[in-house]
Amino acid sequence: MNTNLSPENESFIQESVAAGVFSDREHALDEAVGLLKSRQRVLAHIDEGTRQLREGNFVEFDQDGLRNFFDEIQASGRRRYEESLKRS
């Protein structure tokens, strides 16, 4: 596939390949597309969070409540990790 980039972007890719950041031009372009896809997913999550806030779908926490919330998440993660070790 033929891709036409601005001279500035083409130069950046060539410099990145020359510096060993990417093995070749295609690898650099694949990485760029992957980053664009990630950006799109992040923006979709932001849009969803904004929609939920507008609709009042959120929970407010004070300092202690927030600390407890994160402690529960951490404990849950530890339990899941320990269970995964037992299954291995």
Protein backbone atom coordinates (compact mmCIF):
# COMPACT_ATOMS: atom_id res chain seq x y z
CA MET A 1 0.00 0.00 0.00
CA ASN A 2 1.24 3.45 -0.85
CA THR A 3 1.05 6.07 1.89
CA ASN A 4 1.64 9.74 1.34
CA LEU A 5 2.76 11.60 4.42
CA SER A 6 3.75 15.19 4.90
CA PRO A 7 7.49 15.75 4.44
CA GLU A 8 7.76 16.47 8.17
CA ASN A 9 6.08 13.19 9.16
CA GLU A 10 8.03 11.20 6.58
CA SER A 11 11.26 12.66 7.91
CA PHE A 12 10.27 11.80 11.48
CA ILE A 13 9.59 8.19 10.50
CA GLN A 14 12.87 7.91 8.60
CA GLU A 15 14.78 9.34 11.57
CA SER A 16 13.02 6.93 13.95
CA VAL A 17 13.89 3.94 11.74
CA ALA A 18 17.49 5.15 11.41
CA ALA A 19 17.73 5.50 15.20
CA GLY A 20 16.48 1.93 15.65
CA VAL A 21 13.18 2.89 17.26
CA PHE A 22 11.38 0.89 14.56
CA SER A 23 12.68 -1.87 12.32
CA ASP A 24 11.17 -0.32 9.19
CA ARG A 25 8.68 2.24 7.88
CA GLU A 26 5.76 -0.21 8.00
CA HIS A 27 6.42 -1.01 11.65
CA ALA A 28 6.41 2.73 12.45
CA LEU A 29 3.12 3.23 10.58
CA ASP A 30 1.56 0.19 12.29
CA GLU A 31 2.53 1.64 15.66
CA ALA A 32 1.04 5.01 14.70
CA VAL A 33 -2.25 3.39 13.70
CA GLY A 34 -2.27 1.40 16.95
CA LEU A 35 -1.85 4.62 18.92
CA LEU A 36 -4.69 6.24 16.98
CA LYS A 37 -6.92 3.27 17.81
CA SER A 38 -5.98 3.54 21.49
CA ARG A 39 -6.73 7.26 21.42
CA GLN A 40 -10.14 6.54 19.91
CA ARG A 41 -10.93 4.03 22.68
CA VAL A 42 -9.85 6.50 25.39
CA LEU A 43 -12.02 9.24 23.89
CA ALA A 44 -14.99 6.84 23.75
CA HIS A 45 -14.48 6.05 27.47
CA ILE A 46 -14.32 9.77 28.25
CA ASP A 47 -17.53 10.35 26.31
CA GLU A 48 -19.22 7.51 28.21
CA GLY A 49 -18.04 8.88 31.57
CA THR A 50 -19.25 12.36 30.64
CA ARG A 51 -22.65 10.94 29.68
CA GLN A 52 -22.88 9.09 32.99
CA LEU A 53 -22.00 12.24 34.93
CA ARG A 54 -24.63 14.27 33.08
CA GLU A 55 -27.23 11.61 33.87
CA GLY A 56 -26.24 11.63 37.55
CA ASN A 57 -24.86 8.10 37.40
CA PHE A 58 -21.98 8.48 39.86
CA VAL A 59 -21.10 8.04 43.53
CA GLU A 60 -19.54 10.77 45.63
CA PHE A 61 -16.91 9.85 48.20
CA ASP A 62 -15.40 11.75 51.08
CA GLN A 63 -11.69 11.22 51.87
CA ASP A 64 -12.29 8.15 54.07
CA GLY A 65 -14.83 6.67 51.68
CA LEU A 66 -12.44 7.02 48.78
CA ARG A 67 -9.63 5.41 50.75
CA ASN A 68 -11.92 2.50 51.67
CA PHE A 69 -13.03 2.15 48.05
CA PHE A 70 -9.44 1.82 46.84
CA ASP A 71 -8.54 -0.51 49.70
CA GLU A 72 -11.39 -2.80 48.61
CA ILE A 73 -10.20 -2.74 45.00
CA GLN A 74 -6.66 -3.55 46.12
CA ALA A 75 -7.84 -6.42 48.32
CA SER A 76 -9.98 -7.80 45.52
CA GLY A 77 -7.04 -7.67 43.14
CA ARG A 78 -4.83 -9.48 45.64
CA ARG A 79 -7.44 -12.21 46.12
CA ARG A 80 -7.79 -12.72 42.36
CA TYR A 81 -4.01 -12.80 41.95
CA GLU A 82 -3.61 -15.36 44.76
CA GLU A 83 -6.38 -17.49 43.27
CA SER A 84 -4.68 -17.41 39.89
CA LEU A 85 -1.44 -18.63 41.50
CA LYS A 86 -3.28 -21.55 43.06
CA ARG A 87 -4.71 -22.55 39.65
CA SER A 88 -1.28 -22.46 38.00
